PDB file of N, CA and C in Angstrom:
ATOM      1  N   UNK A   1      83.802 -90.934  95.831  1.00  0.00           N
ATOM      2  CA  UNK A   1      83.899 -90.904  97.113  1.00  0.00           C
ATOM      3  C   UNK A   1      84.135 -92.195  97.880  1.00  0.00           C
ATOM      4  N   UNK A   2      85.125 -91.754  98.487  1.00  0.00           N
ATOM      5  CA  UNK A   2      85.394 -93.138  99.659  1.00  0.00           C
ATOM      6  C   UNK A   2      85.341 -92.785 100.727  1.00  0.00           C
ATOM      7  N   UNK A   3      84.714 -93.625 101.830  1.00  0.00           N
ATOM      8  CA  UNK A   3      84.752 -93.732 103.443  1.00  0.00           C
ATOM      9  C   UNK A   3      85.980 -94.217 103.664  1.00  0.00           C
ATOM     10  N   UNK A   4      86.601 -94.094 104.726  1.00  0.00           N
ATOM     11  CA  UNK A   4      87.696 -95.102 104.942  1.00  0.00           C
ATOM     12  C   UNK A   4      87.697 -95.061 106.520  1.00  0.00           C
ATOM     13  N   UNK A   5      87.777 -96.176 106.798  1.00  0.00           N
ATOM     14  CA  UNK A   5      87.755 -95.983 109.035  1.00  0.00           C
ATOM     15  C   UNK A   5      89.121 -96.766 108.790  1.00  0.00           C
ATOM     16  N   UNK A   6      89.640 -95.889 109.715  1.00  0.00           N
ATOM     17  CA  UNK A   6      90.919 -96.677 109.984  1.00  0.00           C
ATOM     18  C   UNK A   6      90.780 -97.619 111.236  1.00  0.00           C
ATOM     19  N   UNK A   7      90.647 -99.013 111.584  1.00  0.00           N
ATOM     20  CA  UNK A   7      90.775 -99.567 112.332  1.00  0.00           C
ATOM     21  C   UNK A   7      92.060 -99.536 113.583  1.00  0.00           C
ATOM     22  N   UNK A   8      91.206-100.049 114.769  1.00  0.00           N
ATOM     23  CA  UNK A   8      92.396-100.393 115.748  1.00  0.00           C
ATOM     24  C   UNK A   8      92.937 -98.717 115.823  1.00  0.00           C
ATOM     25  N   UNK A   9      91.835 -97.731 116.157  1.00  0.00           N
ATOM     26  CA  UNK A   9      92.137 -96.506 115.860  1.00  0.00           C
ATOM     27  C   UNK A   9      93.340 -95.982 115.457  1.00  0.00           C
ATOM     28  N   UNK A  10      92.810 -96.016 114.276  1.00  0.00           N
ATOM     29  CA  UNK A  10      93.834 -96.170 113.188  1.00  0.00           C
ATOM     30  C   UNK A  10      95.267 -96.975 112.993  1.00  0.00           C
ATOM     31  N   UNK A  11      95.221 -97.562 113.525  1.00  0.00           N
ATOM     32  CA  UNK A  11      96.630 -98.244 113.636  1.00  0.00           C
ATOM     33  C   UNK A  11      98.225 -97.639 114.991  1.00  0.00           C
ATOM     34  N   UNK A  12      96.938 -96.766 115.899  1.00  0.00           N
ATOM     35  CA  UNK A  12      98.096 -95.715 116.173  1.00  0.00           C
ATOM     36  C   UNK A  12      99.014 -96.667 117.558  1.00  0.00           C
ATOM     37  N   UNK A  13      99.158 -98.352 117.738  1.00  0.00           N
ATOM     38  CA  UNK A  13     100.323 -98.224 118.434  1.00  0.00           C
ATOM     39  C   UNK A  13     101.250 -98.792 117.599  1.00  0.00           C
ATOM     40  N   UNK A  14     102.688 -98.254 118.020  1.00  0.00           N
ATOM     41  CA  UNK A  14     103.974 -98.694 117.102  1.00  0.00           C
ATOM     42  C   UNK A  14     104.091 -97.342 115.975  1.00  0.00           C
ATOM     43  N   UNK A  15     103.018 -96.448 115.732  1.00  0.00           N
ATOM     44  CA  UNK A  15     103.333 -95.486 114.925  1.00  0.00           C
ATOM     45  C   UNK A  15     104.032 -94.320 115.671  1.00  0.00           C
ATOM     46  N   UNK A  16     104.502 -93.112 115.076  1.00  0.00           N
ATOM     47  CA  UNK A  16     104.568 -92.019 115.255  1.00  0.00           C
ATOM     48  C   UNK A  16     103.406 -91.203 116.329  1.00  0.00           C
ATOM     49  N   UNK A  17     103.754 -90.682 116.996  1.00  0.00           N
ATOM     50  CA  UNK A  17     102.306 -90.114 117.699  1.00  0.00           C
ATOM     51  C   UNK A  17     102.130 -89.362 116.520  1.00  0.00           C
ATOM     52  N   UNK A  18     100.496 -88.707 116.424  1.00  0.00           N
ATOM     53  CA  UNK A  18      99.989 -87.862 115.409  1.00  0.00           C
ATOM     54  C   UNK A  18      99.706 -88.484 114.355  1.00  0.00           C
ATOM     55  N   UNK A  19     100.379 -89.315 113.946  1.00  0.00           N
ATOM     56  CA  UNK A  19     100.208 -90.165 112.549  1.00  0.00           C
ATOM     57  C   UNK A  19      99.094 -90.172 112.005  1.00  0.00           C
ATOM     58  N   UNK A  20      98.136 -91.117 112.947  1.00  0.00           N
ATOM     59  CA  UNK A  20      97.209 -91.125 112.794  1.00  0.00           C
ATOM     60  C   UNK A  20      95.956 -89.828 112.624  1.00  0.00           C
ATOM     61  N   UNK A  21      96.454 -88.685 112.746  1.00  0.00           N
ATOM     62  CA  UNK A  21      95.557 -87.872 112.197  1.00  0.00           C
ATOM     63  C   UNK A  21      95.830 -87.180 110.828  1.00  0.00           C
ATOM     64  N   UNK A  22      96.439 -87.430 109.783  1.00  0.00           N
ATOM     65  CA  UNK A  22      96.790 -87.931 108.524  1.00  0.00           C
ATOM     66  C   UNK A  22      95.147 -87.936 108.287  1.00  0.00           C
ATOM     67  N   UNK A  23      94.926 -89.298 108.385  1.00  0.00           N
ATOM     68  CA  UNK A  23      93.733 -89.995 107.905  1.00  0.00           C
ATOM     69  C   UNK A  23      92.743 -89.279 108.682  1.00  0.00           C
ATOM     70  N   UNK A  24      92.627 -88.411 109.565  1.00  0.00           N
ATOM     71  CA  UNK A  24      91.215 -87.016 110.438  1.00  0.00           C
ATOM     72  C   UNK A  24      91.222 -86.068 109.159  1.00  0.00           C
ATOM     73  N   UNK A  25      92.385 -86.006 108.806  1.00  0.00           N
ATOM     74  CA  UNK A  25      92.409 -84.241 107.680  1.00  0.00           C
ATOM     75  C   UNK A  25      91.582 -85.223 106.620  1.00  0.00           C
ATOM     76  N   UNK A  26      91.409 -86.165 106.253  1.00  0.00           N
ATOM     77  CA  UNK A  26      90.955 -86.938 104.494  1.00  0.00           C
ATOM     78  C   UNK A  26      89.712 -87.240 105.166  1.00  0.00           C
ATOM     79  N   UNK A  27      89.212 -86.874 106.186  1.00  0.00           N
ATOM     80  CA  UNK A  27      87.613 -87.267 106.640  1.00  0.00           C
ATOM     81  C   UNK A  27      87.336 -88.372 107.071  1.00  0.00           C
ATOM     82  N   UNK A  28      88.394 -89.208 107.378  1.00  0.00           N
ATOM     83  CA  UNK A  28      88.051 -90.585 108.013  1.00  0.00           C
ATOM     84  C   UNK A  28      87.894 -91.329 109.310  1.00  0.00           C
ATOM     85  N   UNK A  29      87.189 -92.263 109.334  1.00  0.00           N
ATOM     86  CA  UNK A  29      86.824 -92.361 110.871  1.00  0.00           C
ATOM     87  C   UNK A  29      88.008 -93.316 111.021  1.00  0.00           C
ATOM     88  N   UNK A  30      87.818 -93.422 112.903  1.00  0.00           N
ATOM     89  CA  UNK A  30      88.891 -94.777 113.268  1.00  0.00           C
ATOM     90  C   UNK A  30      87.505 -95.153 113.971  1.00  0.00           C
ATOM     91  N   UNK A  31      88.003 -96.627 114.638  1.00  0.00           N
ATOM     92  CA  UNK A  31      87.253 -97.343 115.490  1.00  0.00           C
ATOM     93  C   UNK A  31      87.858 -97.824 116.568  1.00  0.00           C
ATOM     94  N   UNK A  32      87.149 -97.990 117.912  1.00  0.00           N
ATOM     95  CA  UNK A  32      87.886 -98.378 118.958  1.00  0.00           C
ATOM     96  C   UNK A  32      88.517 -99.746 119.391  1.00  0.00           C
ATOM     97  N   UNK A  33      88.419-100.746 118.033  1.00  0.00           N
ATOM     98  CA  UNK A  33      89.044-101.450 118.206  1.00  0.00           C
ATOM     99  C   UNK A  33      90.646-102.116 118.837  1.00  0.00           C
ATOM    100  N   UNK A  34      90.898-102.000 119.529  1.00  0.00           N
ATOM    101  CA  UNK A  34      92.362-101.819 120.436  1.00  0.00           C
ATOM    102  C   UNK A  34      91.935-103.025 121.442  1.00  0.00           C
ATOM    103  N   UNK A  35      93.146-103.850 121.706  1.00  0.00           N
ATOM    104  CA  UNK A  35      93.284-105.347 122.504  1.00  0.00           C
ATOM    105  C   UNK A  35      94.016-103.840 123.850  1.00  0.00           C
ATOM    106  N   UNK A  36      92.954-104.867 125.362  1.00  0.00           N
ATOM    107  CA  UNK A  36      93.436-103.979 126.577  1.00  0.00           C
ATOM    108  C   UNK A  36      94.553-103.764 126.709  1.00  0.00           C
ATOM    109  N   UNK A  37      95.523-104.530 126.668  1.00  0.00           N
ATOM    110  CA  UNK A  37      96.727-103.763 126.905  1.00  0.00           C
ATOM    111  C   UNK A  37      97.494-102.587 126.597  1.00  0.00           C
ATOM    112  N   UNK A  38      96.865-101.901 125.671  1.00  0.00           N
ATOM    113  CA  UNK A  38      97.492-100.741 124.974  1.00  0.00           C
ATOM    114  C   UNK A  38      96.268 -99.896 125.385  1.00  0.00           C
ATOM    115  N   UNK A  39      94.862-100.182 125.904  1.00  0.00           N
ATOM    116  CA  UNK A  39      94.210 -99.086 126.396  1.00  0.00           C
ATOM    117  C   UNK A  39      94.603 -97.461 126.831  1.00  0.00           C
ATOM    118  N   UNK A  40      95.929 -98.006 127.682  1.00  0.00           N
ATOM    119  CA  UNK A  40      96.146 -96.571 128.414  1.00  0.00           C
ATOM    120  C   UNK A  40      97.241 -96.171 127.775  1.00  0.00           C
ATOM    121  N   UNK A  41      97.684 -97.074 126.158  1.00  0.00           N
ATOM    122  CA  UNK A  41      98.920 -96.113 126.167  1.00  0.00           C
ATOM    123  C   UNK A  41      98.608 -94.771 125.660  1.00  0.00           C
ATOM    124  N   UNK A  42      99.795 -93.794 125.493  1.00  0.00           N
ATOM    125  CA  UNK A  42      99.480 -92.740 125.200  1.00  0.00           C
ATOM    126  C   UNK A  42      98.804 -91.869 124.250  1.00  0.00           C
ATOM    127  N   UNK A  43      99.269 -92.749 123.008  1.00  0.00           N
ATOM    128  CA  UNK A  43      98.530 -92.705 121.735  1.00  0.00           C
ATOM    129  C   UNK A  43      97.705 -92.702 121.632  1.00  0.00           C
ATOM    130  N   UNK A  44      96.803 -94.109 122.382  1.00  0.00           N
ATOM    131  CA  UNK A  44      95.462 -94.449 121.723  1.00  0.00           C
ATOM    132  C   UNK A  44      94.857 -93.714 122.977  1.00  0.00           C
ATOM    133  N   UNK A  45      95.040 -92.910 124.025  1.00  0.00           N
ATOM    134  CA  UNK A  45      94.300 -92.032 125.016  1.00  0.00           C
ATOM    135  C   UNK A  45      94.315 -90.891 123.984  1.00  0.00           C
ATOM    136  N   UNK A  46      95.314 -90.520 123.623  1.00  0.00           N
ATOM    137  CA  UNK A  46      95.240 -89.009 122.683  1.00  0.00           C
ATOM    138  C   UNK A  46      93.764 -88.780 121.547  1.00  0.00           C
ATOM    139  N   UNK A  47      94.488 -90.133 120.709  1.00  0.00           N
ATOM    140  CA  UNK A  47      93.329 -90.158 120.012  1.00  0.00           C
ATOM    141  C   UNK A  47      91.866 -90.380 120.243  1.00  0.00           C
ATOM    142  N   UNK A  48      91.783 -91.449 121.137  1.00  0.00           N
ATOM    143  CA  UNK A  48      90.195 -91.299 121.614  1.00  0.00           C
ATOM    144  C   UNK A  48      89.997 -89.947 122.672  1.00  0.00           C
ATOM    145  N   UNK A  49      90.267 -89.338 122.985  1.00  0.00           N
ATOM    146  CA  UNK A  49      90.585 -88.248 123.816  1.00  0.00           C
ATOM    147  C   UNK A  49      90.013 -86.906 122.729  1.00  0.00           C
ATOM    148  N   UNK A  50      90.876 -87.223 121.565  1.00  0.00           N
ATOM    149  CA  UNK A  50      90.717 -85.464 120.970  1.00  0.00           C
ATOM    150  C   UNK A  50      90.238 -85.482 119.848  1.00  0.00           C
ATOM    151  N   UNK A  51      89.893 -86.875 119.096  1.00  0.00           N
ATOM    152  CA  UNK A  51      89.369 -87.130 117.641  1.00  0.00           C
ATOM    153  C   UNK A  51      88.323 -86.550 118.046  1.00  0.00           C
ATOM    154  N   UNK A  52      87.027 -85.721 116.852  1.00  0.00           N
ATOM    155  CA  UNK A  52      85.357 -85.372 117.174  1.00  0.00           C
ATOM    156  C   UNK A  52      84.560 -86.203 117.492  1.00  0.00           C
ATOM    157  N   UNK A  53      83.539 -86.495 118.173  1.00  0.00           N
ATOM    158  CA  UNK A  53      83.483 -87.264 118.191  1.00  0.00           C
ATOM    159  C   UNK A  53      82.070 -87.985 117.358  1.00  0.00           C
ATOM    160  N   UNK A  54      82.298 -87.608 115.916  1.00  0.00           N
ATOM    161  CA  UNK A  54      81.253 -87.808 115.326  1.00  0.00           C
ATOM    162  C   UNK A  54      82.377 -88.720 113.846  1.00  0.00           C
ATOM    163  N   UNK A  55      83.972 -88.505 114.749  1.00  0.00           N
ATOM    164  CA  UNK A  55      84.616 -89.471 113.333  1.00  0.00           C
ATOM    165  C   UNK A  55      84.892 -90.841 114.204  1.00  0.00           C
ATOM    166  N   UNK A  56      84.530 -91.364 115.562  1.00  0.00           N
ATOM    167  CA  UNK A  56      84.575 -92.373 116.428  1.00  0.00           C
ATOM    168  C   UNK A  56      83.754 -93.437 115.750  1.00  0.00           C
ATOM    169  N   UNK A  57      83.789 -94.612 115.726  1.00  0.00           N
ATOM    170  CA  UNK A  57      83.073 -95.762 115.976  1.00  0.00           C
ATOM    171  C   UNK A  57      83.351 -96.436 116.666  1.00  0.00           C
ATOM    172  N   UNK A  58      82.425 -97.241 117.638  1.00  0.00           N
ATOM    173  CA  UNK A  58      82.592 -97.868 118.468  1.00  0.00           C
ATOM    174  C   UNK A  58      82.624 -99.731 118.273  1.00  0.00           C
ATOM    175  N   UNK A  59      83.792 -99.952 118.515  1.00  0.00           N
ATOM    176  CA  UNK A  59      84.126-101.846 117.912  1.00  0.00           C
ATOM    177  C   UNK A  59      85.057-102.106 119.144  1.00  0.00           C
ATOM    178  N   UNK A  60      85.455-103.525 119.236  1.00  0.00           N
ATOM    179  CA  UNK A  60      85.731-103.990 120.274  1.00  0.00           C
ATOM    180  C   UNK A  60      86.919-105.434 118.972  1.00  0.00           C
ATOM    181  N   UNK A  61      87.552-105.648 120.037  1.00  0.00           N
ATOM    182  CA  UNK A  61      88.749-107.113 119.553  1.00  0.00           C
ATOM    183  C   UNK A  61      88.022-108.436 119.710  1.00  0.00           C
ATOM    184  N   UNK A  62      86.557-108.898 120.094  1.00  0.00           N
ATOM    185  CA  UNK A  62      85.696-109.854 120.564  1.00  0.00           C
ATOM    186  C   UNK A  62      86.453-110.855 119.828  1.00  0.00           C
ATOM    187  N   UNK A  63      86.880-111.909 120.320  1.00  0.00           N
ATOM    188  CA  UNK A  63      87.192-112.561 121.328  1.00  0.00           C
ATOM    189  C   UNK A  63      87.821-111.880 122.492  1.00  0.00           C
ATOM    190  N   UNK A  64      88.754-111.272 121.806  1.00  0.00           N
ATOM    191  CA  UNK A  64      90.262-111.270 122.825  1.00  0.00           C
ATOM    192  C   UNK A  64      89.608-109.714 123.970  1.00  0.00           C
ATOM    193  N   UNK A  65      89.205-109.229 123.207  1.00  0.00           N
ATOM    194  CA  UNK A  65      88.226-108.437 124.299  1.00  0.00           C
ATOM    195  C   UNK A  65      86.967-108.113 124.589  1.00  0.00           C
ATOM    196  N   UNK A  66      86.515-108.460 125.396  1.00  0.00           N
ATOM    197  CA  UNK A  66      84.942-108.509 125.063  1.00  0.00           C
ATOM    198  C   UNK A  66      83.906-107.294 125.724  1.00  0.00           C
ATOM    199  N   UNK A  67      82.938-107.287 124.693  1.00  0.00           N
ATOM    200  CA  UNK A  67      82.377-105.966 124.401  1.00  0.00           C
ATOM    201  C   UNK A  67      82.338-104.911 126.204  1.00  0.00           C
ATOM    202  N   UNK A  68      81.659-105.546 127.350  1.00  0.00           N
ATOM    203  CA  UNK A  68      81.383-105.062 127.824  1.00  0.00           C
ATOM    204  C   UNK A  68      82.610-103.408 128.651  1.00  0.00           C
ATOM    205  N   UNK A  69      83.663-104.684 128.278  1.00  0.00           N
ATOM    206  CA  UNK A  69      85.169-104.229 128.821  1.00  0.00           C
ATOM    207  C   UNK A  69      85.322-103.118 128.143  1.00  0.00           C
ATOM    208  N   UNK A  70      85.477-103.037 126.915  1.00  0.00           N
ATOM    209  CA  UNK A  70      85.542-102.486 125.472  1.00  0.00           C
ATOM    210  C   UNK A  70      84.720-100.971 126.135  1.00  0.00           C
ATOM    211  N   UNK A  71      83.149-101.202 126.338  1.00  0.00           N
ATOM    212  CA  UNK A  71      82.272-100.060 126.487  1.00  0.00           C
ATOM    213  C   UNK A  71      83.036 -99.501 127.432  1.00  0.00           C
ATOM    214  N   UNK A  72      83.470-100.061 128.567  1.00  0.00           N
ATOM    215  CA  UNK A  72      83.892 -99.118 129.935  1.00  0.00           C
ATOM    216  C   UNK A  72      85.109 -98.730 129.245  1.00  0.00           C
ATOM    217  N   UNK A  73      85.920 -98.770 128.783  1.00  0.00           N
ATOM    218  CA  UNK A  73      87.010 -98.196 128.569  1.00  0.00           C
ATOM    219  C   UNK A  73      86.907 -96.988 127.717  1.00  0.00           C
ATOM    220  N   UNK A  74      85.591 -97.040 126.523  1.00  0.00           N
ATOM    221  CA  UNK A  74      85.766 -95.551 126.485  1.00  0.00           C
ATOM    222  C   UNK A  74      84.798 -95.081 126.870  1.00  0.00           C
ATOM    223  N   UNK A  75      83.917 -95.419 127.465  1.00  0.00           N
ATOM    224  CA  UNK A  75      82.911 -94.441 129.179  1.00  0.00           C
ATOM    225  C   UNK A  75      84.131 -93.923 130.041  1.00  0.00           C
ATOM    226  N   UNK A  76      85.134 -94.453 130.375  1.00  0.00           N
ATOM    227  CA  UNK A  76      85.988 -93.790 131.403  1.00  0.00           C
ATOM    228  C   UNK A  76      87.056 -92.731 130.655  1.00  0.00           C
ATOM    229  N   UNK A  77      86.825 -92.838 128.892  1.00  0.00           N
ATOM    230  CA  UNK A  77      87.856 -92.121 128.334  1.00  0.00           C
ATOM    231  C   UNK A  77      87.012 -90.054 127.724  1.00  0.00           C
ATOM    232  N   UNK A  78      85.927 -90.369 127.201  1.00  0.00           N
ATOM    233  CA  UNK A  78      84.668 -89.932 126.698  1.00  0.00           C
ATOM    234  C   UNK A  78      83.604 -89.162 127.483  1.00  0.00           C
ATOM    235  N   UNK A  79      82.980 -87.917 127.637  1.00  0.00           N
ATOM    236  CA  UNK A  79      82.120 -87.355 128.090  1.00  0.00           C
ATOM    237  C   UNK A  79      80.883 -88.022 128.086  1.00  0.00           C
ATOM    238  N   UNK A  80      80.177 -88.382 128.907  1.00  0.00           N
ATOM    239  CA  UNK A  80      78.621 -89.097 128.562  1.00  0.00           C
ATOM    240  C   UNK A  80      78.141 -88.083 126.934  1.00  0.00           C
ATOM    241  N   UNK A  81      78.057 -87.111 127.336  1.00  0.00           N
ATOM    242  CA  UNK A  81      77.832 -86.369 125.977  1.00  0.00           C
ATOM    243  C   UNK A  81      77.999 -87.318 124.499  1.00  0.00           C
ATOM    244  N   UNK A  82      78.682 -87.764 124.199  1.00  0.00           N
ATOM    245  CA  UNK A  82      79.201 -88.298 123.567  1.00  0.00           C
ATOM    246  C   UNK A  82      78.656 -90.029 123.320  1.00  0.00           C
ATOM    247  N   UNK A  83      78.544 -90.539 123.797  1.00  0.00           N
ATOM    248  CA  UNK A  83      78.084 -91.837 123.930  1.00  0.00           C
ATOM    249  C   UNK A  83      76.936 -92.099 123.068  1.00  0.00           C
ATOM    250  N   UNK A  84      76.247 -91.328 122.990  1.00  0.00           N
ATOM    251  CA  UNK A  84      74.998 -92.030 121.981  1.00  0.00           C
ATOM    252  C   UNK A  84      75.692 -91.798 120.378  1.00  0.00           C
ATOM    253  N   UNK A  85      76.417 -91.074 120.072  1.00  0.00           N
ATOM    254  CA  UNK A  85      77.129 -90.777 118.823  1.00  0.00           C
ATOM    255  C   UNK A  85      78.206 -92.210 118.715  1.00  0.00           C
ATOM    256  N   UNK A  86      78.588 -92.470 119.783  1.00  0.00           N
ATOM    257  CA  UNK A  86      79.949 -93.191 119.546  1.00  0.00           C
ATOM    258  C   UNK A  86      79.565 -94.822 119.894  1.00  0.00           C
ATOM    259  N   UNK A  87      79.051 -95.352 120.421  1.00  0.00           N
ATOM    260  CA  UNK A  87      77.900 -96.308 120.306  1.00  0.00           C
ATOM    261  C   UNK A  87      77.214 -96.817 119.578  1.00  0.00           C
ATOM    262  N   UNK A  88      76.536 -95.936 118.051  1.00  0.00           N
ATOM    263  CA  UNK A  88      75.618 -95.990 117.624  1.00  0.00           C
ATOM    264  C   UNK A  88      74.875 -94.930 116.520  1.00  0.00           C
ATOM    265  N   UNK A  89      75.261 -93.954 116.945  1.00  0.00           N
ATOM    266  CA  UNK A  89      74.734 -92.873 115.741  1.00  0.00           C
ATOM    267  C   UNK A  89      75.357 -92.627 115.045  1.00  0.00           C
ATOM    268  N   UNK A  90      76.669 -92.918 114.520  1.00  0.00           N
ATOM    269  CA  UNK A  90      77.706 -92.365 113.745  1.00  0.00           C
ATOM    270  C   UNK A  90      77.605 -93.545 112.623  1.00  0.00           C
ATOM    271  N   UNK A  91      77.753 -94.750 113.357  1.00  0.00           N
ATOM    272  CA  UNK A  91      77.149 -95.815 112.667  1.00  0.00           C
ATOM    273  C   UNK A  91      76.140 -95.895 111.745  1.00  0.00           C
ATOM    274  N   UNK A  92      75.347 -95.819 112.685  1.00  0.00           N
ATOM    275  CA  UNK A  92      73.983 -95.495 111.935  1.00  0.00           C
ATOM    276  C   UNK A  92      73.765 -94.475 110.816  1.00  0.00           C
ATOM    277  N   UNK A  93      74.642 -93.251 110.974  1.00  0.00           N
ATOM    278  CA  UNK A  93      74.175 -92.178 109.809  1.00  0.00           C
ATOM    279  C   UNK A  93      75.510 -92.603 108.539  1.00  0.00           C
ATOM    280  N   UNK A  94      76.829 -93.383 109.054  1.00  0.00           N
ATOM    281  CA  UNK A  94      77.801 -94.002 107.406  1.00  0.00           C
ATOM    282  C   UNK A  94      76.495 -94.754 107.029  1.00  0.00           C
ATOM    283  N   UNK A  95      76.242 -95.497 107.575  1.00  0.00           N
ATOM    284  CA  UNK A  95      75.556 -96.975 106.864  1.00  0.00           C
ATOM    285  C   UNK A  95      74.143 -96.292 106.028  1.00  0.00           C
ATOM    286  N   UNK A  96      73.821 -95.078 106.691  1.00  0.00           N
ATOM    287  CA  UNK A  96      72.434 -94.478 105.865  1.00  0.00           C
ATOM    288  C   UNK A  96      71.404 -95.112 106.377  1.00  0.00           C
ATOM    289  N   UNK A  97      71.611 -95.676 107.796  1.00  0.00           N
ATOM    290  CA  UNK A  97      70.453 -96.293 108.520  1.00  0.00           C
ATOM    291  C   UNK A  97      69.415 -95.164 109.233  1.00  0.00           C
ATOM    292  N   UNK A  98      68.005 -95.443 109.504  1.00  0.00           N
ATOM    293  CA  UNK A  98      67.190 -94.663 110.339  1.00  0.00           C
ATOM    294  C   UNK A  98      67.233 -95.197 111.788  1.00  0.00           C
ATOM    295  N   UNK A  99      66.964 -93.962 112.468  1.00  0.00           N
ATOM    296  CA  UNK A  99      67.174 -94.612 113.953  1.00  0.00           C
ATOM    297  C   UNK A  99      66.298 -95.053 114.456  1.00  0.00           C
TER     298      UNK A  99
END
């Protein structure tokens, strides 16, 4: 078994809409590490809004994007009920770490 994490929201910037969803069908994860100038592009917003919360890992392109800004962006898009999974629980589960 292979665990695949598609960085930068699956490389969504510059790809045809919905191309990233192919990796979701394969059980992949995406991380949120994208540069701030693409945060509100249609495809980045669609992926962050529509992917299941269990398949999203928080990440940041530090030092280009400081993590408080990246956290604020994710929080502005996803419901607060998702935050615990996005900001830690998913990574702990993926790595087999206890709470």
